Amino acid sequence: MGLVDFLMQGDPVIQRLTSKYLLDKDEEYIETGYIQRYLDLFDPVHHMWGGGVYSPKWISTHYTMLELKNLEINPKHPTYQKGLETLLNHLWQKEGVVNQRRHQDLCVVGMLLSLSSYLGEKDHRIYEMIDYLLSHQIETGGFNCMWETTPTKVASVHATLSILEGFRDFLKLEDQYRQSEVKEAVLKAEEALLRRELFKKMGTHDPIHPFMIEPHYPNRWKYDILRALRYFVTVNHPYDERMKDAINMLVHRMKDGKLPKGEMISGLIHFNYKDVR
């Protein structure tokens, strides 16, 4: 059985994504399969999932909505809109000020920017997030989630990729707000990842962490080479020789044209993706 045939036997969401991205077909949004299962778990009274906003991981509103976005729910769906408003009301207050001692983690803001931009509507809070992220880019091009407590020259690949994904989705809005500065920040952040050949410690050939050279899904907030390569594909970035080792690592792990699932990230889940083998 070919890869496409294999995928087209899966959940309706997998079928739609396969048809859209591998068969290059126009596909309408759907509300069946995995997406419907998530929608059925929504609390219509408190407008959240899992009884919380950012935790418990991974059944909270924040991480459930990341999954719905990855599965390409209709961004105009009222449940997505209600969930997003819950996130913004709790996680984005006073332009990133959490309390007197700290500000919002940059990686969380990157994910919030992605979720907000996916809605496709302009919102002053999106502009505030852009201001916040641009003001904390490290000289080396990357970002660090805990910028208040970490030396300013130390970047995190986790935070850098989450913010790149947020910038990517913001730029899809074709909004002119600080657009040239965002594009410049994107180039620097992409270079920060490529300088590490997507997974290596600076100045060595060793992986930053063994976790990063294995494919995982869902990724949650965590970085791995498959997620990084997927980002570069989604922005139509030309092939760079520094991607070669990461691509080869994935190819060597493939069996019968399929990648192994990789180790599941520990934590609570709503349900198992039984069709993803």
Protein backbone atom coordinates (compact mmCIF):
# COMPACT_ATOMS: atom_id res chain seq x y z
CA MET A 1 0.00 0.00 0.00
CA GLY A 2 1.33 3.43 -0.94
CA LEU A 3 1.76 6.22 1.56
CA VAL A 4 -1.16 8.31 0.26
CA ASP A 5 -3.48 5.29 0.28
CA PHE A 6 -2.39 4.54 3.83
CA LEU A 7 -3.15 8.10 4.96
CA MET A 8 -6.48 8.21 3.13
CA GLN A 9 -7.65 5.31 5.27
CA GLY A 10 -7.20 7.36 8.41
CA ASP A 11 -9.36 9.81 10.31
CA PRO A 12 -11.31 12.35 8.19
CA VAL A 13 -8.94 15.07 9.39
CA ILE A 14 -5.94 13.09 8.14
CA GLN A 15 -7.71 12.47 4.85
CA ARG A 16 -8.38 16.19 4.40
CA LEU A 17 -4.80 17.21 5.20
CA THR A 18 -3.44 14.52 2.89
CA SER A 19 -5.68 15.66 0.05
CA LYS A 20 -4.76 19.30 0.60
CA TYR A 21 -1.00 19.01 1.02
CA LEU A 22 -0.04 15.86 -0.87
CA LEU A 23 -2.64 15.88 -3.63
CA ASP A 24 -2.81 19.67 -3.95
CA LYS A 25 -6.61 19.80 -3.82
CA ASP A 26 -8.81 22.58 -2.52
CA GLU A 27 -10.51 21.32 0.60
CA GLU A 28 -13.31 22.80 2.67
CA TYR A 29 -13.02 22.91 6.46
CA ILE A 30 -14.56 19.96 8.28
CA GLU A 31 -15.96 19.42 11.77
CA THR A 32 -15.69 15.65 11.96
CA GLY A 33 -13.15 13.13 13.24
CA TYR A 34 -10.49 14.37 15.63
CA ILE A 35 -11.73 17.95 15.41
CA GLN A 36 -15.22 16.98 16.50
CA ARG A 37 -13.82 14.95 19.39
CA TYR A 38 -12.02 18.04 20.68
CA LEU A 39 -15.11 20.21 20.17
CA ASP A 40 -17.21 17.75 22.18
CA LEU A 41 -14.88 18.28 25.17
CA PHE A 42 -15.30 22.06 25.25
CA ASP A 43 -16.85 23.54 28.41
CA PRO A 44 -19.54 25.91 27.05
CA VAL A 45 -20.02 27.57 30.44
CA HIS A 46 -16.41 28.53 31.20
CA HIS A 47 -15.27 28.58 27.56
CA MET A 48 -12.30 26.30 28.09
CA TRP A 49 -10.94 22.77 27.88
CA GLY A 50 -9.51 20.61 30.62
CA GLY A 51 -10.59 22.90 33.42
CA GLY A 52 -7.74 25.35 32.87
CA VAL A 53 -6.18 27.95 30.59
CA TYR A 54 -2.51 26.96 30.29
CA SER A 55 -2.55 23.89 32.53
CA PRO A 56 -3.08 21.03 33.15
CA LYS A 57 -0.79 19.94 30.35
CA TRP A 58 -1.78 18.83 27.79
CA ILE A 59 -5.55 19.05 28.09
CA SER A 60 -5.77 22.77 28.89
CA THR A 61 -7.36 25.35 26.63
CA HIS A 62 -4.01 26.57 25.30
CA TYR A 63 -2.69 23.21 24.16
CA THR A 64 -6.05 21.94 22.95
CA MET A 65 -6.34 24.99 20.72
CA LEU A 66 -2.83 24.44 19.37
CA GLU A 67 -3.98 20.98 18.35
CA LEU A 68 -7.14 22.31 16.73
CA LYS A 69 -5.07 24.82 14.77
CA ASN A 70 -2.63 22.11 13.66
CA LEU A 71 -5.58 19.99 12.54
CA GLU A 72 -6.90 23.06 10.70
CA ILE A 73 -10.21 23.71 12.36
CA ASN A 74 -12.24 26.43 10.69
CA PRO A 75 -10.83 29.54 12.42
CA LYS A 76 -14.31 31.12 12.28
CA HIS A 77 -15.82 28.29 14.29
CA PRO A 78 -17.49 29.87 17.36
CA THR A 79 -15.81 27.43 19.73
CA TYR A 80 -12.36 28.40 18.44
CA GLN A 81 -13.27 32.07 18.83
CA LYS A 82 -14.52 31.58 22.39
CA GLY A 83 -11.45 29.58 23.34
CA LEU A 84 -9.13 32.21 21.90
CA GLU A 85 -10.84 34.97 23.85
CA THR A 86 -10.35 32.94 27.03
CA LEU A 87 -6.63 32.62 26.26
CA LEU A 88 -6.16 36.28 25.50
CA ASN A 89 -8.08 37.40 28.57
CA HIS A 90 -5.93 35.24 30.85
CA LEU A 91 -2.53 35.02 29.16
CA TRP A 92 -2.20 38.42 27.55
CA GLN A 93 -2.84 41.20 30.03
CA LYS A 94 -1.24 44.62 30.39
CA GLU A 95 0.96 44.08 27.34
CA GLY A 96 2.69 41.02 28.75
CA VAL A 97 2.97 42.01 32.41
CA VAL A 98 2.16 38.95 34.55
CA ASN A 99 2.96 40.49 37.94
CA GLN A 100 5.47 42.82 39.57
CA ARG A 101 8.24 40.24 39.27
CA ARG A 102 7.91 38.92 35.75
CA HIS A 103 6.50 39.22 32.24
CA GLN A 104 4.90 36.60 30.01
CA ASP A 105 7.19 33.88 28.64
CA LEU A 106 8.21 34.67 25.06
CA CYS A 107 7.41 31.17 23.82
CA VAL A 108 3.85 31.46 25.16
CA VAL A 109 3.46 34.81 23.39
CA GLY A 110 4.74 33.25 20.15
CA MET A 111 2.08 30.54 20.39
CA LEU A 112 -0.59 33.12 21.28
CA LEU A 113 0.40 35.19 18.26
CA SER A 114 0.05 32.12 16.05
CA LEU A 115 -3.39 31.24 17.47
CA SER A 116 -4.60 34.84 17.21
CA SER A 117 -3.32 35.35 13.67
CA TYR A 118 -4.96 32.10 12.56
CA LEU A 119 -8.32 33.70 13.28
CA GLY A 120 -7.58 36.06 10.39
CA GLU A 121 -8.78 39.23 12.07
CA LYS A 122 -6.84 42.30 13.13
CA ASP A 123 -6.73 42.88 16.88
CA HIS A 124 -4.80 45.48 18.89
CA ARG A 125 -3.51 42.68 21.10
CA ILE A 126 -1.73 41.15 18.10
CA TYR A 127 0.13 44.43 17.65
CA GLU A 128 1.06 44.44 21.34
CA MET A 129 2.46 40.92 20.98
CA ILE A 130 4.48 41.96 17.94
CA ASP A 131 5.95 44.88 19.91
CA TYR A 132 6.76 42.60 22.82
CA LEU A 133 8.50 39.94 20.73
CA LEU A 134 10.50 42.37 18.61
CA SER A 135 11.81 44.09 21.73
CA HIS A 136 13.36 40.89 23.07
CA GLN A 137 15.22 39.34 20.14
CA ILE A 138 18.75 38.36 21.11
CA GLU A 139 21.73 39.73 19.18
CA THR A 140 22.45 36.27 17.79
CA GLY A 141 19.00 36.23 16.18
CA GLY A 142 17.16 33.80 18.43
CA PHE A 143 14.87 34.22 21.41
CA ASN A 144 14.81 32.93 24.96
CA CYS A 145 11.53 32.22 26.68
CA MET A 146 12.75 33.35 30.10
CA TRP A 147 14.48 36.51 28.93
CA GLU A 148 14.28 38.13 32.35
CA THR A 149 16.35 35.47 34.11
CA THR A 150 18.63 34.17 31.33
CA PRO A 151 21.79 35.81 29.95
CA THR A 152 20.78 37.84 26.91
CA LYS A 153 23.11 36.00 24.51
CA VAL A 154 21.66 32.55 25.22
CA ALA A 155 18.91 31.58 22.77
CA SER A 156 16.47 28.68 23.00
CA VAL A 157 15.54 26.72 19.89
CA HIS A 158 12.16 25.96 21.50
CA ALA A 159 11.28 29.64 21.91
CA THR A 160 12.83 30.67 18.61
CA LEU A 161 10.75 28.22 16.59
CA SER A 162 7.50 29.03 18.42
CA ILE A 163 8.04 32.73 17.70
CA LEU A 164 8.94 32.06 14.06
CA GLU A 165 5.66 30.17 13.69
CA GLY A 166 3.83 33.11 15.24
CA PHE A 167 5.53 35.59 12.92
CA ARG A 168 4.74 33.35 9.93
CA ASP A 169 1.04 33.33 10.75
CA PHE A 170 1.01 37.07 11.42
CA LEU A 171 2.59 37.77 8.02
CA LYS A 172 -0.18 35.75 6.37
CA LEU A 173 -2.58 38.47 7.50
CA GLU A 174 -0.78 40.86 5.12
CA ASP A 175 -1.01 43.44 7.85
CA GLN A 176 1.41 46.34 7.41
CA TYR A 177 2.06 46.80 11.13
CA ARG A 178 5.86 46.76 11.57
CA GLN A 179 5.96 44.30 8.69
CA SER A 180 9.48 45.10 7.53
CA GLU A 181 10.80 44.72 11.10
CA VAL A 182 9.02 41.40 11.51
CA LYS A 183 10.51 40.12 8.25
CA GLU A 184 13.97 41.21 9.36
CA ALA A 185 13.50 39.47 12.71
CA VAL A 186 12.37 36.32 10.88
CA LEU A 187 15.52 36.22 8.75
CA LYS A 188 17.72 36.57 11.83
CA ALA A 189 15.82 33.90 13.76
CA GLU A 190 15.90 31.46 10.83
CA GLU A 191 19.62 32.02 10.54
CA ALA A 192 20.00 31.28 14.26
CA LEU A 193 18.47 27.82 13.70
CA LEU A 194 20.37 27.15 10.48
CA ARG A 195 23.63 28.16 12.13
CA ARG A 196 23.06 25.18 14.43
CA GLU A 197 22.16 23.00 11.43
CA LEU A 198 18.75 22.75 13.11
CA PHE A 199 19.86 20.53 15.98
CA LYS A 200 23.54 20.90 16.88
CA LYS A 201 25.34 22.53 19.74
CA MET A 202 27.33 25.54 18.65
CA GLY A 203 30.81 24.55 17.45
CA THR A 204 30.18 20.79 17.63
CA HIS A 205 28.37 18.04 15.75
CA ASP A 206 26.56 16.85 18.88
CA PRO A 207 22.77 17.19 19.21
CA ILE A 208 21.58 19.88 21.61
CA HIS A 209 19.43 17.14 23.15
CA PRO A 210 18.63 13.56 21.98
CA PHE A 211 14.91 14.44 22.01
CA MET A 212 15.42 16.91 19.18
CA ILE A 213 16.55 14.37 16.59
CA GLU A 214 13.41 12.22 16.95
CA PRO A 215 10.07 13.12 15.33
CA HIS A 216 7.16 13.74 17.70
CA TYR A 217 3.50 14.58 17.38
CA PRO A 218 1.95 16.49 19.02
CA ASN A 219 5.00 18.66 19.69
CA ARG A 220 3.31 20.86 22.32
CA TRP A 221 5.92 23.62 22.88
CA LYS A 222 8.91 21.39 22.22
CA TYR A 223 11.40 21.57 19.38
CA ASP A 224 12.52 18.76 17.12
CA ILE A 225 14.01 18.62 13.63
CA LEU A 226 10.79 17.50 11.94
CA ARG A 227 8.91 20.48 13.36
CA ALA A 228 11.75 22.80 12.30
CA LEU A 229 11.81 21.42 8.75
CA ARG A 230 8.03 21.65 8.57
CA TYR A 231 8.31 25.34 9.43
CA PHE A 232 10.82 25.99 6.64
CA VAL A 233 8.55 24.19 4.16
CA THR A 234 5.51 26.25 5.18
CA VAL A 235 7.37 29.52 4.48
CA ASN A 236 8.76 28.25 1.16
CA HIS A 237 12.32 28.68 2.37
CA PRO A 238 14.83 27.49 -0.26
CA TYR A 239 16.93 24.47 0.53
CA ASP A 240 19.98 25.28 2.62
CA GLU A 241 22.94 22.91 2.83
CA ARG A 242 22.80 23.26 6.62
CA MET A 243 19.50 21.33 6.58
CA LYS A 244 21.18 18.26 5.10
CA ASP A 245 22.12 16.40 8.30
CA ALA A 246 18.67 16.93 9.83
CA ILE A 247 16.97 15.63 6.68
CA ASN A 248 19.28 12.61 6.53
CA MET A 249 18.51 11.76 10.14
CA LEU A 250 14.81 11.61 9.37
CA VAL A 251 15.33 9.62 6.17
CA HIS A 252 17.42 7.03 8.02
CA ARG A 253 14.58 6.56 10.54
CA MET A 254 11.96 5.86 7.89
CA LYS A 255 10.59 2.37 7.35
CA ASP A 256 8.36 1.58 4.39
CA GLY A 257 8.14 5.30 3.69
CA LYS A 258 6.89 6.11 7.18
CA LEU A 259 8.50 7.81 10.16
CA PRO A 260 8.15 6.27 13.62
CA LYS A 261 5.92 8.22 15.98
CA GLY A 262 8.68 8.94 18.43
CA GLU A 263 8.35 9.00 22.19
CA MET A 264 5.11 10.52 23.44
CA ILE A 265 5.59 13.61 25.56
CA SER A 266 4.38 12.74 29.05
CA GLY A 267 1.28 14.43 30.37
CA LEU A 268 -2.50 14.24 30.24
CA ILE A 269 -4.19 13.76 26.88
CA HIS A 270 -7.79 13.98 25.73
CA PHE A 271 -7.53 10.82 23.59
CA ASN A 272 -5.07 8.78 21.53
CA TYR A 273 -4.51 9.30 17.83
CA LYS A 274 -5.15 5.69 17.02
CA ASP A 275 -5.00 6.18 13.27
CA VAL A 276 -1.48 7.63 13.39
CA ARG A 277 0.74 4.54 13.31
